[in-house]
């Protein structure tokens, strides 16, 4: 989101290049509109929090309670597919 805002872009792509011997490939992945929107909203929220920290001198901790990370839908499907193969 930071790159898109700085350069006034409405698209973002990741380009992956593997140069391992005998295993060359390139993958180009485009960020969806929803992913760009999510990134922009998170980026702006973070920038407001940083500005508030400078203004007030209060820098809250990012995590203040016990936290367990959960799998997203994509990772749940990957896990299920790998369980079937195991």
PDB file of N, CA and C in Angstrom:
ATOM      1  N   UNK A   1       0.837  -1.195   0.000  1.00  0.00           N
ATOM      2  CA  UNK A   1       0.000   0.000   0.000  1.00  0.00           C
ATOM      3  C   UNK A   1       0.878   1.253   0.000  1.00  0.00           C
ATOM      4  N   UNK A   2       1.973   1.208   0.751  1.00  0.00           N
ATOM      5  CA  UNK A   2       2.853   2.372   0.803  1.00  0.00           C
ATOM      6  C   UNK A   2       3.406   2.688  -0.592  1.00  0.00           C
ATOM      7  N   UNK A   3       3.833   1.654  -1.323  1.00  0.00           N
ATOM      8  CA  UNK A   3       4.357   1.875  -2.667  1.00  0.00           C
ATOM      9  C   UNK A   3       3.268   2.438  -3.579  1.00  0.00           C
ATOM     10  N   UNK A   4       2.059   1.885  -3.478  1.00  0.00           N
ATOM     11  CA  UNK A   4       0.958   2.346  -4.331  1.00  0.00           C
ATOM     12  C   UNK A   4       0.614   3.799  -4.037  1.00  0.00           C
ATOM     13  N   UNK A   5       0.578   4.165  -2.764  1.00  0.00           N
ATOM     14  CA  UNK A   5       0.239   5.540  -2.424  1.00  0.00           C
ATOM     15  C   UNK A   5       1.352   6.499  -2.860  1.00  0.00           C
ATOM     16  N   UNK A   6       2.583   6.129  -2.600  1.00  0.00           N
ATOM     17  CA  UNK A   6       3.713   6.991  -2.943  1.00  0.00           C
ATOM     18  C   UNK A   6       3.808   7.224  -4.455  1.00  0.00           C
ATOM     19  N   UNK A   7       3.583   6.173  -5.223  1.00  0.00           N
ATOM     20  CA  UNK A   7       3.719   6.274  -6.680  1.00  0.00           C
ATOM     21  C   UNK A   7       2.378   6.484  -7.389  1.00  0.00           C
ATOM     22  N   UNK A   8       1.294   6.656  -6.623  1.00  0.00           N
ATOM     23  CA  UNK A   8      -0.054   6.848  -7.190  1.00  0.00           C
ATOM     24  C   UNK A   8      -0.421   5.706  -8.138  1.00  0.00           C
ATOM     25  N   UNK A   9      -0.229   4.469  -7.673  1.00  0.00           N
ATOM     26  CA  UNK A   9      -0.546   3.283  -8.470  1.00  0.00           C
ATOM     27  C   UNK A   9      -1.891   2.707  -8.044  1.00  0.00           C
ATOM     28  N   UNK A  10      -2.608   2.116  -8.995  1.00  0.00           N
ATOM     29  CA  UNK A  10      -3.849   1.433  -8.640  1.00  0.00           C
ATOM     30  C   UNK A  10      -3.740  -0.072  -8.862  1.00  0.00           C
ATOM     31  N   UNK A  11      -2.531  -0.552  -9.170  1.00  0.00           N
ATOM     32  CA  UNK A  11      -2.252  -1.973  -9.302  1.00  0.00           C
ATOM     33  C   UNK A  11      -0.917  -2.270  -8.626  1.00  0.00           C
ATOM     34  N   UNK A  12      -0.773  -3.536  -8.186  1.00  0.00           N
ATOM     35  CA  UNK A  12       0.500  -3.951  -7.612  1.00  0.00           C
ATOM     36  C   UNK A  12       0.734  -5.405  -7.997  1.00  0.00           C
ATOM     37  N   UNK A  13       1.955  -5.711  -8.381  1.00  0.00           N
ATOM     38  CA  UNK A  13       2.329  -7.066  -8.767  1.00  0.00           C
ATOM     39  C   UNK A  13       3.571  -7.490  -7.997  1.00  0.00           C
ATOM     40  N   UNK A  14       3.616  -8.771  -7.650  1.00  0.00           N
ATOM     41  CA  UNK A  14       4.839  -9.370  -7.137  1.00  0.00           C
ATOM     42  C   UNK A  14       5.429 -10.175  -8.287  1.00  0.00           C
ATOM     43  N   UNK A  15       6.724 -10.097  -8.454  1.00  0.00           N
ATOM     44  CA  UNK A  15       7.395 -10.883  -9.488  1.00  0.00           C
ATOM     45  C   UNK A  15       8.412 -11.782  -8.796  1.00  0.00           C
ATOM     46  N   UNK A  16       8.201 -13.079  -8.937  1.00  0.00           N
ATOM     47  CA  UNK A  16       9.088 -14.067  -8.334  1.00  0.00           C
ATOM     48  C   UNK A  16       9.923 -14.702  -9.440  1.00  0.00           C
ATOM     49  N   UNK A  17      11.223 -14.769  -9.220  1.00  0.00           N
ATOM     50  CA  UNK A  17      12.130 -15.353 -10.203  1.00  0.00           C
ATOM     51  C   UNK A  17      12.990 -16.387  -9.494  1.00  0.00           C
ATOM     52  N   UNK A  18      12.951 -17.608  -9.991  1.00  0.00           N
ATOM     53  CA  UNK A  18      13.798 -18.663  -9.452  1.00  0.00           C
ATOM     54  C   UNK A  18      14.892 -18.934 -10.472  1.00  0.00           C
ATOM     55  N   UNK A  19      16.130 -18.834 -10.041  1.00  0.00           N
ATOM     56  CA  UNK A  19      17.265 -19.048 -10.934  1.00  0.00           C
ATOM     57  C   UNK A  19      18.059 -20.295 -10.559  1.00  0.00           C
ATOM     58  N   UNK A  20      17.468 -21.159  -9.736  1.00  0.00           N
ATOM     59  CA  UNK A  20      18.176 -22.384  -9.381  1.00  0.00           C
ATOM     60  C   UNK A  20      18.534 -23.162 -10.647  1.00  0.00           C
ATOM     61  N   UNK A  21      19.692 -23.766 -10.629  1.00  0.00           N
ATOM     62  CA  UNK A  21      20.158 -24.509 -11.790  1.00  0.00           C
ATOM     63  C   UNK A  21      19.139 -25.577 -12.183  1.00  0.00           C
ATOM     64  N   UNK A  22      18.818 -25.635 -13.466  1.00  0.00           N
ATOM     65  CA  UNK A  22      17.861 -26.592 -14.034  1.00  0.00           C
ATOM     66  C   UNK A  22      16.435 -26.422 -13.508  1.00  0.00           C
ATOM     67  N   UNK A  23      16.151 -25.304 -12.872  1.00  0.00           N
ATOM     68  CA  UNK A  23      14.801 -25.081 -12.340  1.00  0.00           C
ATOM     69  C   UNK A  23      14.479 -23.594 -12.420  1.00  0.00           C
ATOM     70  N   UNK A  24      14.447 -23.077 -13.625  1.00  0.00           N
ATOM     71  CA  UNK A  24      14.196 -21.654 -13.852  1.00  0.00           C
ATOM     72  C   UNK A  24      12.701 -21.436 -14.058  1.00  0.00           C
ATOM     73  N   UNK A  25      12.154 -20.452 -13.374  1.00  0.00           N
ATOM     74  CA  UNK A  25      10.753 -20.079 -13.597  1.00  0.00           C
ATOM     75  C   UNK A  25      10.508 -18.659 -13.122  1.00  0.00           C
ATOM     76  N   UNK A  26       9.437 -18.074 -13.631  1.00  0.00           N
ATOM     77  CA  UNK A  26       9.013 -16.730 -13.246  1.00  0.00           C
ATOM     78  C   UNK A  26       7.517 -16.795 -12.971  1.00  0.00           C
ATOM     79  N   UNK A  27       7.086 -16.167 -11.887  1.00  0.00           N
ATOM     80  CA  UNK A  27       5.656 -16.073 -11.571  1.00  0.00           C
ATOM     81  C   UNK A  27       5.328 -14.611 -11.304  1.00  0.00           C
ATOM     82  N   UNK A  28       4.256 -14.144 -11.916  1.00  0.00           N
ATOM     83  CA  UNK A  28       3.792 -12.771 -11.709  1.00  0.00           C
ATOM     84  C   UNK A  28       2.423 -12.848 -11.052  1.00  0.00           C
ATOM     85  N   UNK A  29       2.305 -12.269  -9.874  1.00  0.00           N
ATOM     86  CA  UNK A  29       1.075 -12.328  -9.085  1.00  0.00           C
ATOM     87  C   UNK A  29       0.543 -10.916  -8.904  1.00  0.00           C
ATOM     88  N   UNK A  30      -0.723 -10.706  -9.269  1.00  0.00           N
ATOM     89  CA  UNK A  30      -1.345  -9.392  -9.100  1.00  0.00           C
ATOM     90  C   UNK A  30      -2.137  -9.357  -7.799  1.00  0.00           C
ATOM     91  N   UNK A  31      -2.004  -8.278  -7.056  1.00  0.00           N
ATOM     92  CA  UNK A  31      -2.804  -8.075  -5.848  1.00  0.00           C
ATOM     93  C   UNK A  31      -4.231  -7.728  -6.262  1.00  0.00           C
ATOM     94  N   UNK A  32      -5.208  -8.370  -5.633  1.00  0.00           N
ATOM     95  CA  UNK A  32      -6.609  -8.092  -5.946  1.00  0.00           C
ATOM     96  C   UNK A  32      -6.996  -6.703  -5.446  1.00  0.00           C
ATOM     97  N   UNK A  33      -8.104  -6.203  -5.948  1.00  0.00           N
ATOM     98  CA  UNK A  33      -8.616  -4.903  -5.508  1.00  0.00           C
ATOM     99  C   UNK A  33      -8.864  -4.909  -4.007  1.00  0.00           C
ATOM    100  N   UNK A  34      -9.433  -6.018  -3.507  1.00  0.00           N
ATOM    101  CA  UNK A  34      -9.714  -6.123  -2.074  1.00  0.00           C
ATOM    102  C   UNK A  34      -8.433  -6.137  -1.256  1.00  0.00           C
ATOM    103  N   UNK A  35      -7.408  -6.830  -1.745  1.00  0.00           N
ATOM    104  CA  UNK A  35      -6.133  -6.864  -1.024  1.00  0.00           C
ATOM    105  C   UNK A  35      -5.494  -5.484  -0.995  1.00  0.00           C
ATOM    106  N   UNK A  36      -5.573  -4.763  -2.115  1.00  0.00           N
ATOM    107  CA  UNK A  36      -5.049  -3.396  -2.145  1.00  0.00           C
ATOM    108  C   UNK A  36      -5.811  -2.491  -1.178  1.00  0.00           C
ATOM    109  N   UNK A  37      -7.139  -2.633  -1.135  1.00  0.00           N
ATOM    110  CA  UNK A  37      -7.935  -1.816  -0.215  1.00  0.00           C
ATOM    111  C   UNK A  37      -7.581  -2.133   1.233  1.00  0.00           C
ATOM    112  N   UNK A  38      -7.483  -3.427   1.560  1.00  0.00           N
ATOM    113  CA  UNK A  38      -7.105  -3.828   2.915  1.00  0.00           C
ATOM    114  C   UNK A  38      -5.741  -3.262   3.275  1.00  0.00           C
ATOM    115  N   UNK A  39      -4.777  -3.397   2.388  1.00  0.00           N
ATOM    116  CA  UNK A  39      -3.444  -2.870   2.648  1.00  0.00           C
ATOM    117  C   UNK A  39      -3.446  -1.368   2.847  1.00  0.00           C
ATOM    118  N   UNK A  40      -4.223  -0.651   2.037  1.00  0.00           N
ATOM    119  CA  UNK A  40      -4.279   0.807   2.146  1.00  0.00           C
ATOM    120  C   UNK A  40      -4.905   1.227   3.474  1.00  0.00           C
ATOM    121  N   UNK A  41      -5.986   0.558   3.866  1.00  0.00           N
ATOM    122  CA  UNK A  41      -6.636   0.902   5.136  1.00  0.00           C
ATOM    123  C   UNK A  41      -5.720   0.599   6.322  1.00  0.00           C
ATOM    124  N   UNK A  42      -5.028  -0.548   6.278  1.00  0.00           N
ATOM    125  CA  UNK A  42      -4.085  -0.879   7.356  1.00  0.00           C
ATOM    126  C   UNK A  42      -2.922   0.115   7.380  1.00  0.00           C
ATOM    127  N   UNK A  43      -2.412   0.473   6.217  1.00  0.00           N
ATOM    128  CA  UNK A  43      -1.308   1.430   6.115  1.00  0.00           C
ATOM    129  C   UNK A  43      -1.704   2.780   6.705  1.00  0.00           C
ATOM    130  N   UNK A  44      -2.878   3.271   6.327  1.00  0.00           N
ATOM    131  CA  UNK A  44      -3.325   4.572   6.836  1.00  0.00           C
ATOM    132  C   UNK A  44      -3.585   4.533   8.336  1.00  0.00           C
ATOM    133  N   UNK A  45      -4.136   3.424   8.830  1.00  0.00           N
ATOM    134  CA  UNK A  45      -4.347   3.270  10.279  1.00  0.00           C
ATOM    135  C   UNK A  45      -3.004   3.315  11.005  1.00  0.00           C
ATOM    136  N   UNK A  46      -2.022   2.611  10.464  1.00  0.00           N
ATOM    137  CA  UNK A  46      -0.692   2.592  11.074  1.00  0.00           C
ATOM    138  C   UNK A  46      -0.046   3.969  11.041  1.00  0.00           C
ATOM    139  N   UNK A  47      -0.181   4.678   9.936  1.00  0.00           N
ATOM    140  CA  UNK A  47       0.388   6.025   9.844  1.00  0.00           C
ATOM    141  C   UNK A  47      -0.269   6.974  10.848  1.00  0.00           C
ATOM    142  N   UNK A  48      -1.595   6.835  11.049  1.00  0.00           N
ATOM    143  CA  UNK A  48      -2.272   7.662  12.059  1.00  0.00           C
ATOM    144  C   UNK A  48      -1.757   7.329  13.455  1.00  0.00           C
ATOM    145  N   UNK A  49      -1.544   6.032  13.733  1.00  0.00           N
ATOM    146  CA  UNK A  49      -1.039   5.624  15.047  1.00  0.00           C
ATOM    147  C   UNK A  49       0.369   6.166  15.277  1.00  0.00           C
ATOM    148  N   UNK A  50       1.208   6.142  14.260  1.00  0.00           N
ATOM    149  CA  UNK A  50       2.567   6.683  14.386  1.00  0.00           C
ATOM    150  C   UNK A  50       2.514   8.186  14.626  1.00  0.00           C
ATOM    151  N   UNK A  51       1.670   8.888  13.875  1.00  0.00           N
ATOM    152  CA  UNK A  51       1.528  10.339  14.070  1.00  0.00           C
ATOM    153  C   UNK A  51       1.039  10.639  15.477  1.00  0.00           C
ATOM    154  N   UNK A  52       0.083   9.845  15.964  1.00  0.00           N
ATOM    155  CA  UNK A  52      -0.421  10.036  17.324  1.00  0.00           C
ATOM    156  C   UNK A  52       0.684   9.796  18.350  1.00  0.00           C
ATOM    157  N   UNK A  53       1.524   8.796  18.114  1.00  0.00           N
ATOM    158  CA  UNK A  53       2.641   8.530  19.016  1.00  0.00           C
ATOM    159  C   UNK A  53       3.600   9.706  19.092  1.00  0.00           C
ATOM    160  N   UNK A  54       3.915  10.284  17.948  1.00  0.00           N
ATOM    161  CA  UNK A  54       4.783  11.465  17.941  1.00  0.00           C
ATOM    162  C   UNK A  54       4.115  12.645  18.640  1.00  0.00           C
ATOM    163  N   UNK A  55       2.801  12.815  18.400  1.00  0.00           N
ATOM    164  CA  UNK A  55       2.086  13.953  18.987  1.00  0.00           C
ATOM    165  C   UNK A  55       1.940  13.841  20.499  1.00  0.00           C
ATOM    166  N   UNK A  56       1.690  12.619  20.995  1.00  0.00           N
ATOM    167  CA  UNK A  56       1.383  12.438  22.419  1.00  0.00           C
ATOM    168  C   UNK A  56       2.541  11.876  23.222  1.00  0.00           C
ATOM    169  N   UNK A  57       3.517  11.258  22.552  1.00  0.00           N
ATOM    170  CA  UNK A  57       4.604  10.595  23.265  1.00  0.00           C
ATOM    171  C   UNK A  57       4.202   9.231  23.805  1.00  0.00           C
ATOM    172  N   UNK A  58       2.975   8.781  23.529  1.00  0.00           N
ATOM    173  CA  UNK A  58       2.498   7.466  23.972  1.00  0.00           C
ATOM    174  C   UNK A  58       2.601   6.488  22.811  1.00  0.00           C
ATOM    175  N   UNK A  59       3.311   5.403  23.068  1.00  0.00           N
ATOM    176  CA  UNK A  59       3.520   4.388  22.047  1.00  0.00           C
ATOM    177  C   UNK A  59       2.973   3.061  22.574  1.00  0.00           C
ATOM    178  N   UNK A  60       1.702   2.752  22.278  1.00  0.00           N
ATOM    179  CA  UNK A  60       1.101   1.531  22.814  1.00  0.00           C
ATOM    180  C   UNK A  60       1.728   0.273  22.224  1.00  0.00           C
ATOM    181  N   UNK A  61       1.752  -0.772  23.022  1.00  0.00           N
ATOM    182  CA  UNK A  61       2.268  -2.056  22.555  1.00  0.00           C
ATOM    183  C   UNK A  61       1.320  -2.628  21.503  1.00  0.00           C
ATOM    184  N   UNK A  62       1.843  -3.298  20.484  1.00  0.00           N
ATOM    185  CA  UNK A  62       0.964  -3.825  19.438  1.00  0.00           C
ATOM    186  C   UNK A  62       0.081  -4.974  19.915  1.00  0.00           C
ATOM    187  N   UNK A  63       0.566  -5.750  20.862  1.00  0.00           N
ATOM    188  CA  UNK A  63      -0.212  -6.873  21.393  1.00  0.00           C
ATOM    189  C   UNK A  63      -0.148  -6.790  22.910  1.00  0.00           C
ATOM    190  N   UNK A  64      -1.313  -6.700  23.542  1.00  0.00           N
ATOM    191  CA  UNK A  64      -1.348  -6.563  24.996  1.00  0.00           C
ATOM    192  C   UNK A  64      -2.049  -7.729  25.674  1.00  0.00           C
ATOM    193  N   UNK A  65      -2.598  -8.658  24.904  1.00  0.00           N
ATOM    194  CA  UNK A  65      -3.295  -9.813  25.467  1.00  0.00           C
ATOM    195  C   UNK A  65      -2.737 -11.082  24.837  1.00  0.00           C
ATOM    196  N   UNK A  66      -3.043 -12.232  25.456  1.00  0.00           N
ATOM    197  CA  UNK A  66      -2.651 -13.502  24.858  1.00  0.00           C
ATOM    198  C   UNK A  66      -3.260 -13.592  23.463  1.00  0.00           C
ATOM    199  N   UNK A  67      -2.499 -14.152  22.539  1.00  0.00           N
ATOM    200  CA  UNK A  67      -2.952 -14.203  21.148  1.00  0.00           C
ATOM    201  C   UNK A  67      -2.540 -15.530  20.533  1.00  0.00           C
ATOM    202  N   UNK A  68      -3.474 -16.164  19.857  1.00  0.00           N
ATOM    203  CA  UNK A  68      -3.190 -17.374  19.099  1.00  0.00           C
ATOM    204  C   UNK A  68      -3.518 -17.102  17.645  1.00  0.00           C
ATOM    205  N   UNK A  69      -2.546 -17.260  16.787  1.00  0.00           N
ATOM    206  CA  UNK A  69      -2.762 -17.011  15.362  1.00  0.00           C
ATOM    207  C   UNK A  69      -3.587 -18.148  14.777  1.00  0.00           C
ATOM    208  N   UNK A  70      -4.532 -17.816  13.922  1.00  0.00           N
ATOM    209  CA  UNK A  70      -5.408 -18.798  13.292  1.00  0.00           C
ATOM    210  C   UNK A  70      -5.085 -18.895  11.805  1.00  0.00           C
ATOM    211  N   UNK A  71      -5.410 -20.036  11.222  1.00  0.00           N
ATOM    212  CA  UNK A  71      -5.225 -20.215   9.789  1.00  0.00           C
ATOM    213  C   UNK A  71      -6.297 -19.446   9.027  1.00  0.00           C
ATOM    214  N   UNK A  72      -5.909 -18.860   7.907  1.00  0.00           N
ATOM    215  CA  UNK A  72      -6.910 -18.240   7.038  1.00  0.00           C
ATOM    216  C   UNK A  72      -7.514 -19.326   6.143  1.00  0.00           C
ATOM    217  N   UNK A  73      -8.525 -18.983   5.355  1.00  0.00           N
ATOM    218  CA  UNK A  73      -9.213 -19.969   4.515  1.00  0.00           C
ATOM    219  C   UNK A  73      -8.261 -20.683   3.564  1.00  0.00           C
ATOM    220  N   UNK A  74      -7.346 -19.942   2.979  1.00  0.00           N
ATOM    221  CA  UNK A  74      -6.387 -20.537   2.050  1.00  0.00           C
ATOM    222  C   UNK A  74      -5.539 -21.588   2.755  1.00  0.00           C
ATOM    223  N   UNK A  75      -5.036 -21.273   3.936  1.00  0.00           N
ATOM    224  CA  UNK A  75      -4.189 -22.214   4.670  1.00  0.00           C
ATOM    225  C   UNK A  75      -4.981 -23.412   5.175  1.00  0.00           C
ATOM    226  N   UNK A  76      -6.246 -23.211   5.533  1.00  0.00           N
ATOM    227  CA  UNK A  76      -7.090 -24.334   5.953  1.00  0.00           C
ATOM    228  C   UNK A  76      -7.247 -25.313   4.791  1.00  0.00           C
ATOM    229  N   UNK A  77      -7.504 -24.804   3.597  1.00  0.00           N
ATOM    230  CA  UNK A  77      -7.638 -25.677   2.420  1.00  0.00           C
ATOM    231  C   UNK A  77      -6.326 -26.396   2.119  1.00  0.00           C
ATOM    232  N   UNK A  78      -5.202 -25.709   2.262  1.00  0.00           N
ATOM    233  CA  UNK A  78      -3.895 -26.357   2.052  1.00  0.00           C
ATOM    234  C   UNK A  78      -3.683 -27.476   3.057  1.00  0.00           C
ATOM    235  N   UNK A  79      -4.007 -27.212   4.320  1.00  0.00           N
ATOM    236  CA  UNK A  79      -3.850 -28.217   5.370  1.00  0.00           C
ATOM    237  C   UNK A  79      -4.713 -29.440   5.078  1.00  0.00           C
ATOM    238  N   UNK A  80      -5.964 -29.206   4.700  1.00  0.00           N
ATOM    239  CA  UNK A  80      -6.865 -30.320   4.399  1.00  0.00           C
ATOM    240  C   UNK A  80      -6.354 -31.145   3.223  1.00  0.00           C
ATOM    241  N   UNK A  81      -5.859 -30.485   2.179  1.00  0.00           N
ATOM    242  CA  UNK A  81      -5.332 -31.197   1.015  1.00  0.00           C
ATOM    243  C   UNK A  81      -4.110 -32.023   1.386  1.00  0.00           C
ATOM    244  N   UNK A  82      -3.230 -31.479   2.200  1.00  0.00           N
ATOM    245  CA  UNK A  82      -2.029 -32.215   2.603  1.00  0.00           C
ATOM    246  C   UNK A  82      -2.368 -33.373   3.531  1.00  0.00           C
ATOM    247  N   UNK A  83      -3.387 -33.231   4.357  1.00  0.00           N
ATOM    248  CA  UNK A  83      -3.811 -34.344   5.222  1.00  0.00           C
ATOM    249  C   UNK A  83      -4.286 -35.521   4.383  1.00  0.00           C
ATOM    250  N   UNK A  84      -4.992 -35.231   3.293  1.00  0.00           N
ATOM    251  CA  UNK A  84      -5.483 -36.288   2.409  1.00  0.00           C
ATOM    252  C   UNK A  84      -4.313 -37.016   1.762  1.00  0.00           C
ATOM    253  N   UNK A  85      -3.267 -36.284   1.418  1.00  0.00           N
ATOM    254  CA  UNK A  85      -2.098 -36.870   0.757  1.00  0.00           C
ATOM    255  C   UNK A  85      -1.204 -37.640   1.722  1.00  0.00           C
ATOM    256  N   UNK A  86      -1.289 -37.346   3.005  1.00  0.00           N
ATOM    257  CA  UNK A  86      -0.368 -37.939   3.989  1.00  0.00           C
ATOM    258  C   UNK A  86      -0.622 -39.412   4.196  1.00  0.00           C
TER     259      UNK A  86
END
